[in-house]
PDB file of all heavy atoms in Angstrom:
ATOM      1  N   SER A   1       0.837  -1.212   0.000  1.00  0.00           N
ATOM      2  CA  SER A   1       0.000   0.000   0.000  1.00  0.00           C
ATOM      3  C   SER A   1       0.866   1.253   0.000  1.00  0.00           C
ATOM      4  O   SER A   1       0.615   2.192  -0.763  1.00  0.00           O
ATOM      5  CB  SER A   1      -0.920   0.021   1.222  1.00  0.00           C
ATOM      6  OG  SER A   1      -1.782  -1.081   1.208  1.00  0.00           O
ATOM      7  N   PHE A   2       1.892   1.276   0.857  1.00  0.00           N
ATOM      8  CA  PHE A   2       2.792   2.428   0.875  1.00  0.00           C
ATOM      9  C   PHE A   2       3.528   2.589  -0.460  1.00  0.00           C
ATOM     10  O   PHE A   2       3.718   3.703  -0.944  1.00  0.00           O
ATOM     11  CB  PHE A   2       3.804   2.330   2.023  1.00  0.00           C
ATOM     12  CG  PHE A   2       3.273   2.809   3.337  1.00  0.00           C
ATOM     13  CD1 PHE A   2       3.107   1.941   4.403  1.00  0.00           C
ATOM     14  CD2 PHE A   2       2.938   4.136   3.518  1.00  0.00           C
ATOM     15  CE1 PHE A   2       2.609   2.378   5.625  1.00  0.00           C
ATOM     16  CE2 PHE A   2       2.443   4.596   4.729  1.00  0.00           C
ATOM     17  CZ  PHE A   2       2.271   3.709   5.788  1.00  0.00           C
ATOM     18  N   LEU A   3       3.926   1.464  -1.068  1.00  0.00           N
ATOM     19  CA  LEU A   3       4.599   1.529  -2.364  1.00  0.00           C
ATOM     20  C   LEU A   3       3.666   2.104  -3.432  1.00  0.00           C
ATOM     21  O   LEU A   3       4.074   2.931  -4.250  1.00  0.00           O
ATOM     22  CB  LEU A   3       5.091   0.144  -2.778  1.00  0.00           C
ATOM     23  CG  LEU A   3       5.819   0.077  -4.123  1.00  0.00           C
ATOM     24  CD1 LEU A   3       7.075   0.952  -4.100  1.00  0.00           C
ATOM     25  CD2 LEU A   3       6.168  -1.361  -4.473  1.00  0.00           C
ATOM     26  N   PHE A   4       2.401   1.687  -3.414  1.00  0.00           N
ATOM     27  CA  PHE A   4       1.416   2.203  -4.373  1.00  0.00           C
ATOM     28  C   PHE A   4       1.296   3.724  -4.252  1.00  0.00           C
ATOM     29  O   PHE A   4       1.359   4.458  -5.249  1.00  0.00           O
ATOM     30  CB  PHE A   4       0.052   1.534  -4.141  1.00  0.00           C
ATOM     31  CG  PHE A   4      -1.053   2.149  -4.949  1.00  0.00           C
ATOM     32  CD1 PHE A   4      -1.183   1.862  -6.296  1.00  0.00           C
ATOM     33  CD2 PHE A   4      -1.955   3.027  -4.361  1.00  0.00           C
ATOM     34  CE1 PHE A   4      -2.201   2.441  -7.046  1.00  0.00           C
ATOM     35  CE2 PHE A   4      -2.976   3.606  -5.097  1.00  0.00           C
ATOM     36  CZ  PHE A   4      -3.100   3.304  -6.450  1.00  0.00           C
ATOM     37  N   PHE A   5       1.122   4.212  -3.011  1.00  0.00           N
ATOM     38  CA  PHE A   5       0.995   5.663  -2.815  1.00  0.00           C
ATOM     39  C   PHE A   5       2.294   6.399  -3.141  1.00  0.00           C
ATOM     40  O   PHE A   5       2.264   7.520  -3.646  1.00  0.00           O
ATOM     41  CB  PHE A   5       0.529   5.985  -1.396  1.00  0.00           C
ATOM     42  CG  PHE A   5      -0.924   5.678  -1.178  1.00  0.00           C
ATOM     43  CD1 PHE A   5      -1.312   4.681  -0.296  1.00  0.00           C
ATOM     44  CD2 PHE A   5      -1.905   6.367  -1.866  1.00  0.00           C
ATOM     45  CE1 PHE A   5      -2.649   4.393  -0.101  1.00  0.00           C
ATOM     46  CE2 PHE A   5      -3.241   6.091  -1.676  1.00  0.00           C
ATOM     47  CZ  PHE A   5      -3.619   5.096  -0.790  1.00  0.00           C
ATOM     48  N   ALA A   6       3.443   5.761  -2.880  1.00  0.00           N
ATOM     49  CA  ALA A   6       4.724   6.384  -3.214  1.00  0.00           C
ATOM     50  C   ALA A   6       4.864   6.530  -4.724  1.00  0.00           C
ATOM     51  O   ALA A   6       5.301   7.577  -5.216  1.00  0.00           O
ATOM     52  CB  ALA A   6       5.877   5.548  -2.659  1.00  0.00           C
ATOM     53  N   LEU A   7       4.476   5.497  -5.467  1.00  0.00           N
ATOM     54  CA  LEU A   7       4.549   5.573  -6.926  1.00  0.00           C
ATOM     55  C   LEU A   7       3.571   6.600  -7.484  1.00  0.00           C
ATOM     56  O   LEU A   7       3.867   7.302  -8.446  1.00  0.00           O
ATOM     57  CB  LEU A   7       4.300   4.200  -7.549  1.00  0.00           C
ATOM     58  CG  LEU A   7       5.389   3.152  -7.291  1.00  0.00           C
ATOM     59  CD1 LEU A   7       4.951   1.786  -7.792  1.00  0.00           C
ATOM     60  CD2 LEU A   7       6.706   3.574  -7.944  1.00  0.00           C
ATOM     61  N   LYS A   8       2.398   6.696  -6.865  1.00  0.00           N
ATOM     62  CA  LYS A   8       1.412   7.691  -7.311  1.00  0.00           C
ATOM     63  C   LYS A   8       1.848   9.116  -6.976  1.00  0.00           C
ATOM     64  O   LYS A   8       1.393  10.064  -7.602  1.00  0.00           O
ATOM     65  CB  LYS A   8       0.039   7.423  -6.671  1.00  0.00           C
ATOM     66  CG  LYS A   8      -0.667   6.188  -7.161  1.00  0.00           C
ATOM     67  CD  LYS A   8      -1.113   6.306  -8.592  1.00  0.00           C
ATOM     68  CE  LYS A   8      -2.407   7.076  -8.677  1.00  0.00           C
ATOM     69  NZ  LYS A   8      -2.881   7.265 -10.041  1.00  0.00           N
ATOM     70  N   SER A   9       2.725   9.267  -5.986  1.00  0.00           N
ATOM     71  CA  SER A   9       3.154  10.611  -5.574  1.00  0.00           C
ATOM     72  C   SER A   9       4.314  11.149  -6.413  1.00  0.00           C
ATOM     73  O   SER A   9       4.716  12.290  -6.239  1.00  0.00           O
ATOM     74  CB  SER A   9       3.541  10.618  -4.095  1.00  0.00           C
ATOM     75  OG  SER A   9       4.784   9.966  -3.905  1.00  0.00           O
ATOM     76  N   ILE A  10       4.855  10.346  -7.320  1.00  0.00           N
ATOM     77  CA  ILE A  10       5.945  10.826  -8.176  1.00  0.00           C
ATOM     78  C   ILE A  10       5.404  11.929  -9.063  1.00  0.00           C
ATOM     79  O   ILE A  10       4.383  11.771  -9.730  1.00  0.00           O
ATOM     80  CB  ILE A  10       6.540   9.678  -9.013  1.00  0.00           C
ATOM     81  CG1 ILE A  10       7.242   8.673  -8.100  1.00  0.00           C
ATOM     82  CG2 ILE A  10       7.505  10.216 -10.067  1.00  0.00           C
ATOM     83  CD1 ILE A  10       7.758   7.438  -8.811  1.00  0.00           C
ATOM     84  N   GLU A  11       6.076  13.081  -9.036  1.00  0.00           N
ATOM     85  CA  GLU A  11       5.609  14.253  -9.788  1.00  0.00           C
ATOM     86  C   GLU A  11       6.592  14.594 -10.896  1.00  0.00           C
ATOM     87  O   GLU A  11       7.801  14.574 -10.696  1.00  0.00           O
ATOM     88  CB  GLU A  11       5.498  15.464  -8.863  1.00  0.00           C
ATOM     89  CG  GLU A  11       4.489  15.332  -7.771  1.00  0.00           C
ATOM     90  CD  GLU A  11       4.500  16.536  -6.849  1.00  0.00           C
ATOM     91  OE1 GLU A  11       5.539  17.201  -6.739  1.00  0.00           O
ATOM     92  OE2 GLU A  11       3.446  16.789  -6.248  1.00  0.00           O
ATOM     93  N   SER A  12       6.034  14.898 -12.034  1.00  0.00           N
ATOM     94  CA  SER A  12       6.811  15.446 -13.134  1.00  0.00           C
ATOM     95  C   SER A  12       6.255  16.845 -13.355  1.00  0.00           C
ATOM     96  O   SER A  12       5.108  16.999 -13.775  1.00  0.00           O
ATOM     97  CB  SER A  12       6.650  14.566 -14.369  1.00  0.00           C
ATOM     98  OG  SER A  12       7.401  15.078 -15.426  1.00  0.00           O
ATOM     99  N   ILE A  13       7.070  17.863 -13.030  1.00  0.00           N
ATOM    100  CA  ILE A  13       6.534  19.230 -13.022  1.00  0.00           C
ATOM    101  C   ILE A  13       7.432  20.184 -13.809  1.00  0.00           C
ATOM    102  O   ILE A  13       8.604  19.897 -14.056  1.00  0.00           O
ATOM    103  CB  ILE A  13       6.378  19.768 -11.587  1.00  0.00           C
ATOM    104  CG1 ILE A  13       7.724  19.840 -10.873  1.00  0.00           C
ATOM    105  CG2 ILE A  13       5.386  18.954 -10.797  1.00  0.00           C
ATOM    106  CD1 ILE A  13       7.702  20.578  -9.564  1.00  0.00           C
ATOM    107  N   TRP A  14       6.835  21.311 -14.189  1.00  0.00           N
ATOM    108  CA  TRP A  14       7.587  22.481 -14.650  1.00  0.00           C
ATOM    109  C   TRP A  14       7.707  23.419 -13.467  1.00  0.00           C
ATOM    110  O   TRP A  14       6.721  23.692 -12.804  1.00  0.00           O
ATOM    111  CB  TRP A  14       6.860  23.200 -15.782  1.00  0.00           C
ATOM    112  CG  TRP A  14       6.905  22.499 -17.096  1.00  0.00           C
ATOM    113  CD1 TRP A  14       5.843  21.979 -17.771  1.00  0.00           C
ATOM    114  CD2 TRP A  14       8.054  22.235 -17.904  1.00  0.00           C
ATOM    115  NE1 TRP A  14       6.262  21.416 -18.949  1.00  0.00           N
ATOM    116  CE2 TRP A  14       7.615  21.559 -19.059  1.00  0.00           C
ATOM    117  CE3 TRP A  14       9.413  22.516 -17.762  1.00  0.00           C
ATOM    118  CZ2 TRP A  14       8.484  21.158 -20.064  1.00  0.00           C
ATOM    119  CZ3 TRP A  14      10.281  22.103 -18.764  1.00  0.00           C
ATOM    120  CH2 TRP A  14       9.816  21.440 -19.893  1.00  0.00           C
ATOM    121  N   ARG A  15       8.901  23.883 -13.235  1.00  0.00           N
ATOM    122  CA  ARG A  15       9.141  24.849 -12.155  1.00  0.00           C
ATOM    123  C   ARG A  15       9.474  26.187 -12.812  1.00  0.00           C
ATOM    124  O   ARG A  15      10.459  26.293 -13.550  1.00  0.00           O
ATOM    125  CB  ARG A  15      10.287  24.366 -11.294  1.00  0.00           C
ATOM    126  CG  ARG A  15      10.698  25.330 -10.228  1.00  0.00           C
ATOM    127  CD  ARG A  15      11.850  24.768  -9.440  1.00  0.00           C
ATOM    128  NE  ARG A  15      12.546  25.857  -8.790  1.00  0.00           N
ATOM    129  CZ  ARG A  15      13.358  25.699  -7.772  1.00  0.00           C
ATOM    130  NH1 ARG A  15      13.589  24.507  -7.305  1.00  0.00           N
ATOM    131  NH2 ARG A  15      13.949  26.731  -7.238  1.00  0.00           N
ATOM    132  N   ILE A  16       8.634  27.190 -12.548  1.00  0.00           N
ATOM    133  CA  ILE A  16       8.862  28.537 -13.076  1.00  0.00           C
ATOM    134  C   ILE A  16       9.252  29.420 -11.894  1.00  0.00           C
ATOM    135  O   ILE A  16       8.453  29.623 -10.979  1.00  0.00           O
ATOM    136  CB  ILE A  16       7.603  29.063 -13.787  1.00  0.00           C
ATOM    137  CG1 ILE A  16       7.249  28.147 -14.959  1.00  0.00           C
ATOM    138  CG2 ILE A  16       7.816  30.501 -14.255  1.00  0.00           C
ATOM    139  CD1 ILE A  16       5.923  28.449 -15.602  1.00  0.00           C
ATOM    140  N   ASN A  17      10.473  29.900 -11.922  1.00  0.00           N
ATOM    141  CA  ASN A  17      10.973  30.694 -10.790  1.00  0.00           C
ATOM    142  C   ASN A  17      10.350  32.080 -10.771  1.00  0.00           C
ATOM    143  O   ASN A  17      10.070  32.669 -11.810  1.00  0.00           O
ATOM    144  CB  ASN A  17      12.490  30.815 -10.854  1.00  0.00           C
ATOM    145  CG  ASN A  17      13.179  29.516 -10.525  1.00  0.00           C
ATOM    146  OD1 ASN A  17      12.585  28.607  -9.968  1.00  0.00           O
ATOM    147  ND2 ASN A  17      14.435  29.410 -10.889  1.00  0.00           N
ATOM    148  N   ILE A  18      10.124  32.552  -9.547  1.00  0.00           N
ATOM    149  CA  ILE A  18       9.695  33.924  -9.329  1.00  0.00           C
ATOM    150  C   ILE A  18      10.665  34.546  -8.324  1.00  0.00           C
ATOM    151  O   ILE A  18      11.537  33.851  -7.789  1.00  0.00           O
ATOM    152  CB  ILE A  18       8.219  34.007  -8.850  1.00  0.00           C
ATOM    153  CG1 ILE A  18       7.981  33.181  -7.585  1.00  0.00           C
ATOM    154  CG2 ILE A  18       7.268  33.573  -9.934  1.00  0.00           C
ATOM    155  CD1 ILE A  18       6.565  33.278  -7.049  1.00  0.00           C
ATOM    156  N   VAL A  19      10.535  35.835  -8.092  1.00  0.00           N
ATOM    157  CA  VAL A  19      11.482  36.518  -7.207  1.00  0.00           C
ATOM    158  C   VAL A  19      11.434  35.939  -5.790  1.00  0.00           C
ATOM    159  O   VAL A  19      10.503  35.221  -5.432  1.00  0.00           O
ATOM    160  CB  VAL A  19      11.221  38.040  -7.175  1.00  0.00           C
ATOM    161  CG1 VAL A  19      11.509  38.654  -8.528  1.00  0.00           C
ATOM    162  CG2 VAL A  19       9.821  38.350  -6.729  1.00  0.00           C
ATOM    163  N   ASN A  20      12.452  36.239  -5.002  1.00  0.00           N
ATOM    164  CA  ASN A  20      12.581  35.803  -3.601  1.00  0.00           C
ATOM    165  C   ASN A  20      12.688  34.294  -3.458  1.00  0.00           C
ATOM    166  O   ASN A  20      12.165  33.701  -2.511  1.00  0.00           O
ATOM    167  CB  ASN A  20      11.429  36.336  -2.748  1.00  0.00           C
ATOM    168  CG  ASN A  20      11.389  37.843  -2.695  1.00  0.00           C
ATOM    169  OD1 ASN A  20      12.432  38.489  -2.716  1.00  0.00           O
ATOM    170  ND2 ASN A  20      10.201  38.414  -2.663  1.00  0.00           N
ATOM    171  N   ASN A  21      13.342  33.651  -4.414  1.00  0.00           N
ATOM    172  CA  ASN A  21      13.583  32.198  -4.375  1.00  0.00           C
ATOM    173  C   ASN A  21      12.307  31.374  -4.246  1.00  0.00           C
ATOM    174  O   ASN A  21      12.313  30.296  -3.644  1.00  0.00           O
ATOM    175  CB  ASN A  21      14.559  31.841  -3.253  1.00  0.00           C
ATOM    176  CG  ASN A  21      15.940  32.380  -3.506  1.00  0.00           C
ATOM    177  OD1 ASN A  21      16.407  32.405  -4.644  1.00  0.00           O
ATOM    178  ND2 ASN A  21      16.600  32.842  -2.459  1.00  0.00           N
ATOM    179  N   GLN A  22      11.221  31.866  -4.775  1.00  0.00           N
ATOM    180  CA  GLN A  22       9.960  31.131  -4.815  1.00  0.00           C
ATOM    181  C   GLN A  22       9.781  30.577  -6.229  1.00  0.00           C
ATOM    182  O   GLN A  22      10.520  30.929  -7.141  1.00  0.00           O
ATOM    183  CB  GLN A  22       8.797  32.061  -4.470  1.00  0.00           C
ATOM    184  CG  GLN A  22       8.895  32.701  -3.105  1.00  0.00           C
ATOM    185  CD  GLN A  22       8.659  31.717  -1.993  1.00  0.00           C
ATOM    186  OE1 GLN A  22       7.812  30.851  -2.082  1.00  0.00           O
ATOM    187  NE2 GLN A  22       9.424  31.838  -0.918  1.00  0.00           N
ATOM    188  N   PHE A  23       8.786  29.706  -6.397  1.00  0.00           N
ATOM    189  CA  PHE A  23       8.522  29.199  -7.739  1.00  0.00           C
ATOM    190  C   PHE A  23       7.069  28.779  -7.874  1.00  0.00           C
ATOM    191  O   PHE A  23       6.367  28.550  -6.896  1.00  0.00           O
ATOM    192  CB  PHE A  23       9.468  28.039  -8.095  1.00  0.00           C
ATOM    193  CG  PHE A  23       9.328  26.833  -7.200  1.00  0.00           C
ATOM    194  CD1 PHE A  23       8.439  25.815  -7.504  1.00  0.00           C
ATOM    195  CD2 PHE A  23      10.099  26.729  -6.056  1.00  0.00           C
ATOM    196  CE1 PHE A  23       8.314  24.700  -6.682  1.00  0.00           C
ATOM    197  CE2 PHE A  23       9.986  25.627  -5.217  1.00  0.00           C
ATOM    198  CZ  PHE A  23       9.086  24.608  -5.539  1.00  0.00           C
ATOM    199  N   ILE A  24       6.642  28.696  -9.129  1.00  0.00           N
ATOM    200  CA  ILE A  24       5.312  28.192  -9.470  1.00  0.00           C
ATOM    201  C   ILE A  24       5.506  26.758  -9.937  1.00  0.00           C
ATOM    202  O   ILE A  24       6.375  26.475 -10.761  1.00  0.00           O
ATOM    203  CB  ILE A  24       4.686  29.020 -10.609  1.00  0.00           C
ATOM    204  CG1 ILE A  24       4.611  30.488 -10.234  1.00  0.00           C
ATOM    205  CG2 ILE A  24       3.311  28.475 -10.981  1.00  0.00           C
ATOM    206  CD1 ILE A  24       4.331  31.406 -11.411  1.00  0.00           C
ATOM    207  N   LYS A  25       4.712  25.855  -9.387  1.00  0.00           N
ATOM    208  CA  LYS A  25       4.795  24.448  -9.756  1.00  0.00           C
ATOM    209  C   LYS A  25       3.614  24.120 -10.665  1.00  0.00           C
ATOM    210  O   LYS A  25       2.466  24.273 -10.273  1.00  0.00           O
ATOM    211  CB  LYS A  25       4.764  23.590  -8.499  1.00  0.00           C
ATOM    212  CG  LYS A  25       4.856  22.123  -8.787  1.00  0.00           C
ATOM    213  CD  LYS A  25       5.081  21.196  -7.616  1.00  0.00           C
ATOM    214  CE  LYS A  25       4.589  21.546  -6.285  1.00  0.00           C
ATOM    215  NZ  LYS A  25       4.738  20.465  -5.304  1.00  0.00           N
ATOM    216  N   ILE A  26       3.910  23.664 -11.888  1.00  0.00           N
ATOM    217  CA  ILE A  26       2.861  23.288 -12.835  1.00  0.00           C
ATOM    218  C   ILE A  26       3.085  21.831 -13.226  1.00  0.00           C
ATOM    219  O   ILE A  26       4.159  21.468 -13.731  1.00  0.00           O
ATOM    220  CB  ILE A  26       2.872  24.197 -14.083  1.00  0.00           C
ATOM    221  CG1 ILE A  26       2.647  25.648 -13.670  1.00  0.00           C
ATOM    222  CG2 ILE A  26       1.822  23.741 -15.092  1.00  0.00           C
ATOM    223  CD1 ILE A  26       2.679  26.642 -14.812  1.00  0.00           C
ATOM    224  N   TYR A  27       2.093  20.983 -12.986  1.00  0.00           N
ATOM    225  CA  TYR A  27       2.192  19.560 -13.309  1.00  0.00           C
ATOM    226  C   TYR A  27       2.218  19.377 -14.819  1.00  0.00           C
ATOM    227  O   TYR A  27       1.368  19.891 -15.532  1.00  0.00           O
ATOM    228  CB  TYR A  27       1.030  18.786 -12.700  1.00  0.00           C
ATOM    229  CG  TYR A  27       0.961  18.923 -11.203  1.00  0.00           C
ATOM    230  CD1 TYR A  27       0.058  19.786 -10.607  1.00  0.00           C
ATOM    231  CD2 TYR A  27       1.845  18.229 -10.389  1.00  0.00           C
ATOM    232  CE1 TYR A  27       0.013  19.941  -9.232  1.00  0.00           C
ATOM    233  CE2 TYR A  27       1.809  18.374  -9.018  1.00  0.00           C
ATOM    234  CZ  TYR A  27       0.891  19.231  -8.445  1.00  0.00           C
ATOM    235  OH  TYR A  27       0.856  19.398  -7.087  1.00  0.00           O
ATOM    236  N   LYS A  28       3.206  18.622 -15.327  1.00  0.00           N
ATOM    237  CA  LYS A  28       3.397  18.506 -16.765  1.00  0.00           C
ATOM    238  C   LYS A  28       2.281  17.729 -17.470  1.00  0.00           C
ATOM    239  O   LYS A  28       1.981  18.009 -18.619  1.00  0.00           O
ATOM    240  CB  LYS A  28       4.726  17.791 -17.053  1.00  0.00           C
ATOM    241  CG  LYS A  28       5.929  18.621 -16.775  1.00  0.00           C
ATOM    242  CD  LYS A  28       7.172  17.803 -16.952  1.00  0.00           C
ATOM    243  CE  LYS A  28       7.850  18.176 -18.219  1.00  0.00           C
ATOM    244  NZ  LYS A  28       9.136  17.509 -18.373  1.00  0.00           N
ATOM    245  N   LYS A  29       1.687  16.765 -16.804  1.00  0.00           N
ATOM    246  CA  LYS A  29       0.749  15.870 -17.497  1.00  0.00           C
ATOM    247  C   LYS A  29      -0.688  16.016 -17.018  1.00  0.00           C
ATOM    248  O   LYS A  29      -1.490  15.106 -17.179  1.00  0.00           O
ATOM    249  CB  LYS A  29       1.211  14.429 -17.328  1.00  0.00           C
ATOM    250  CG  LYS A  29       2.567  14.193 -17.968  1.00  0.00           C
ATOM    251  CD  LYS A  29       3.029  12.771 -17.812  1.00  0.00           C
ATOM    252  CE  LYS A  29       4.390  12.599 -18.461  1.00  0.00           C
ATOM    253  NZ  LYS A  29       4.922  11.259 -18.300  1.00  0.00           N
ATOM    254  N   SER A  30      -1.008  17.127 -16.398  1.00  0.00           N
ATOM    255  CA  SER A  30      -2.378  17.327 -15.919  1.00  0.00           C
ATOM    256  C   SER A  30      -2.937  18.615 -16.506  1.00  0.00           C
ATOM    257  O   SER A  30      -2.475  19.688 -16.135  1.00  0.00           O
ATOM    258  CB  SER A  30      -2.387  17.388 -14.392  1.00  0.00           C
ATOM    259  OG  SER A  30      -3.680  17.638 -13.902  1.00  0.00           O
ATOM    260  N   PRO A  31      -3.892  18.586 -17.399  1.00  0.00           N
ATOM    261  CA  PRO A  31      -4.586  17.409 -17.935  1.00  0.00           C
ATOM    262  C   PRO A  31      -3.763  16.625 -18.953  1.00  0.00           C
ATOM    263  O   PRO A  31      -3.875  15.403 -19.034  1.00  0.00           O
ATOM    264  CB  PRO A  31      -5.832  17.987 -18.585  1.00  0.00           C
ATOM    265  CG  PRO A  31      -5.497  19.404 -18.910  1.00  0.00           C
ATOM    266  CD  PRO A  31      -4.484  19.833 -17.894  1.00  0.00           C
ATOM    267  N   ASN A  32      -2.919  17.290 -19.773  1.00  0.00           N
ATOM    268  CA  ASN A  32      -1.970  16.592 -20.640  1.00  0.00           C
ATOM    269  C   ASN A  32      -0.849  17.564 -21.020  1.00  0.00           C
ATOM    270  O   ASN A  32      -0.969  18.764 -20.825  1.00  0.00           O
ATOM    271  CB  ASN A  32      -2.657  15.987 -21.875  1.00  0.00           C
ATOM    272  CG  ASN A  32      -3.268  17.037 -22.772  1.00  0.00           C
ATOM    273  OD1 ASN A  32      -2.584  17.930 -23.247  1.00  0.00           O
ATOM    274  ND2 ASN A  32      -4.578  16.945 -23.002  1.00  0.00           N
ATOM    275  N   GLU A  33       0.231  17.004 -21.580  1.00  0.00           N
ATOM    276  CA  GLU A  33       1.421  17.822 -21.848  1.00  0.00           C
ATOM    277  C   GLU A  33       1.173  18.929 -22.868  1.00  0.00           C
ATOM    278  O   GLU A  33       1.713  20.031 -22.731  1.00  0.00           O
ATOM    279  CB  GLU A  33       2.569  16.932 -22.324  1.00  0.00           C
ATOM    280  CG  GLU A  33       3.189  16.138 -21.191  1.00  0.00           C
ATOM    281  CD  GLU A  33       4.450  15.424 -21.609  1.00  0.00           C
ATOM    282  OE1 GLU A  33       5.436  16.110 -21.948  1.00  0.00           O
ATOM    283  OE2 GLU A  33       4.447  14.182 -21.596  1.00  0.00           O
ATOM    284  N   ILE A  34       0.363  18.661 -23.878  1.00  0.00           N
ATOM    285  CA  ILE A  34       0.094  19.662 -24.919  1.00  0.00           C
ATOM    286  C   ILE A  34      -0.623  20.870 -24.328  1.00  0.00           C
ATOM    287  O   ILE A  34      -0.235  22.023 -24.562  1.00  0.00           O
ATOM    288  CB  ILE A  34      -0.718  19.050 -26.076  1.00  0.00           C
ATOM    289  CG1 ILE A  34       0.136  17.996 -26.789  1.00  0.00           C
ATOM    290  CG2 ILE A  34      -1.172  20.116 -27.057  1.00  0.00           C
ATOM    291  CD1 ILE A  34      -0.618  17.139 -27.777  1.00  0.00           C
ATOM    292  N   VAL A  35      -1.657  20.623 -23.525  1.00  0.00           N
ATOM    293  CA  VAL A  35      -2.421  21.713 -22.905  1.00  0.00           C
ATOM    294  C   VAL A  35      -1.530  22.511 -21.958  1.00  0.00           C
ATOM    295  O   VAL A  35      -1.552  23.751 -21.953  1.00  0.00           O
ATOM    296  CB  VAL A  35      -3.655  21.156 -22.155  1.00  0.00           C
ATOM    297  CG1 VAL A  35      -4.315  22.222 -21.307  1.00  0.00           C
ATOM    298  CG2 VAL A  35      -4.656  20.568 -23.145  1.00  0.00           C
ATOM    299  N   VAL A  36      -0.714  21.825 -21.169  1.00  0.00           N
ATOM    300  CA  VAL A  36       0.163  22.494 -20.194  1.00  0.00           C
ATOM    301  C   VAL A  36       1.207  23.354 -20.908  1.00  0.00           C
ATOM    302  O   VAL A  36       1.416  24.520 -20.560  1.00  0.00           O
ATOM    303  CB  VAL A  36       0.839  21.468 -19.259  1.00  0.00           C
ATOM    304  CG1 VAL A  36       1.930  22.113 -18.420  1.00  0.00           C
ATOM    305  CG2 VAL A  36      -0.204  20.816 -18.358  1.00  0.00           C
ATOM    306  N   ASN A  37       1.869  22.800 -21.927  1.00  0.00           N
ATOM    307  CA  ASN A  37       2.895  23.564 -22.655  1.00  0.00           C
ATOM    308  C   ASN A  37       2.286  24.766 -23.373  1.00  0.00           C
ATOM    309  O   ASN A  37       2.890  25.842 -23.411  1.00  0.00           O
ATOM    310  CB  ASN A  37       3.633  22.657 -23.638  1.00  0.00           C
ATOM    311  CG  ASN A  37       4.551  21.678 -22.924  1.00  0.00           C
ATOM    312  OD1 ASN A  37       4.990  21.920 -21.801  1.00  0.00           O
ATOM    313  ND2 ASN A  37       4.831  20.567 -23.560  1.00  0.00           N
ATOM    314  N   ASP A  38       1.089  24.589 -23.920  1.00  0.00           N
ATOM    315  CA  ASP A  38       0.395  25.694 -24.581  1.00  0.00           C
ATOM    316  C   ASP A  38       0.049  26.793 -23.568  1.00  0.00           C
ATOM    317  O   ASP A  38       0.227  27.977 -23.848  1.00  0.00           O
ATOM    318  CB  ASP A  38      -0.872  25.167 -25.267  1.00  0.00           C
ATOM    319  CG  ASP A  38      -1.532  26.218 -26.131  1.00  0.00           C
ATOM    320  OD1 ASP A  38      -0.821  26.881 -26.898  1.00  0.00           O
ATOM    321  OD2 ASP A  38      -2.768  26.372 -26.025  1.00  0.00           O
ATOM    322  N   PHE A  39      -0.421  26.396 -22.382  1.00  0.00           N
ATOM    323  CA  PHE A  39      -0.754  27.358 -21.331  1.00  0.00           C
ATOM    324  C   PHE A  39       0.486  28.162 -20.919  1.00  0.00           C
ATOM    325  O   PHE A  39       0.438  29.386 -20.810  1.00  0.00           O
ATOM    326  CB  PHE A  39      -1.352  26.644 -20.116  1.00  0.00           C
ATOM    327  CG  PHE A  39      -1.644  27.562 -18.969  1.00  0.00           C
ATOM    328  CD1 PHE A  39      -2.823  28.281 -18.928  1.00  0.00           C
ATOM    329  CD2 PHE A  39      -0.731  27.733 -17.940  1.00  0.00           C
ATOM    330  CE1 PHE A  39      -3.091  29.154 -17.880  1.00  0.00           C
ATOM    331  CE2 PHE A  39      -0.986  28.596 -16.887  1.00  0.00           C
ATOM    332  CZ  PHE A  39      -2.173  29.301 -16.864  1.00  0.00           C
TER     333      PHE A  39
END
């Protein structure tokens, strides 16, 4: 069960940096890569 949740928690994200060492996290495949890259 822990392995299942660990595998589901793997994130593939785009990190867009903002000032003060902060960033915006955008999930690459939610809803899909084409929509995310276009956005």
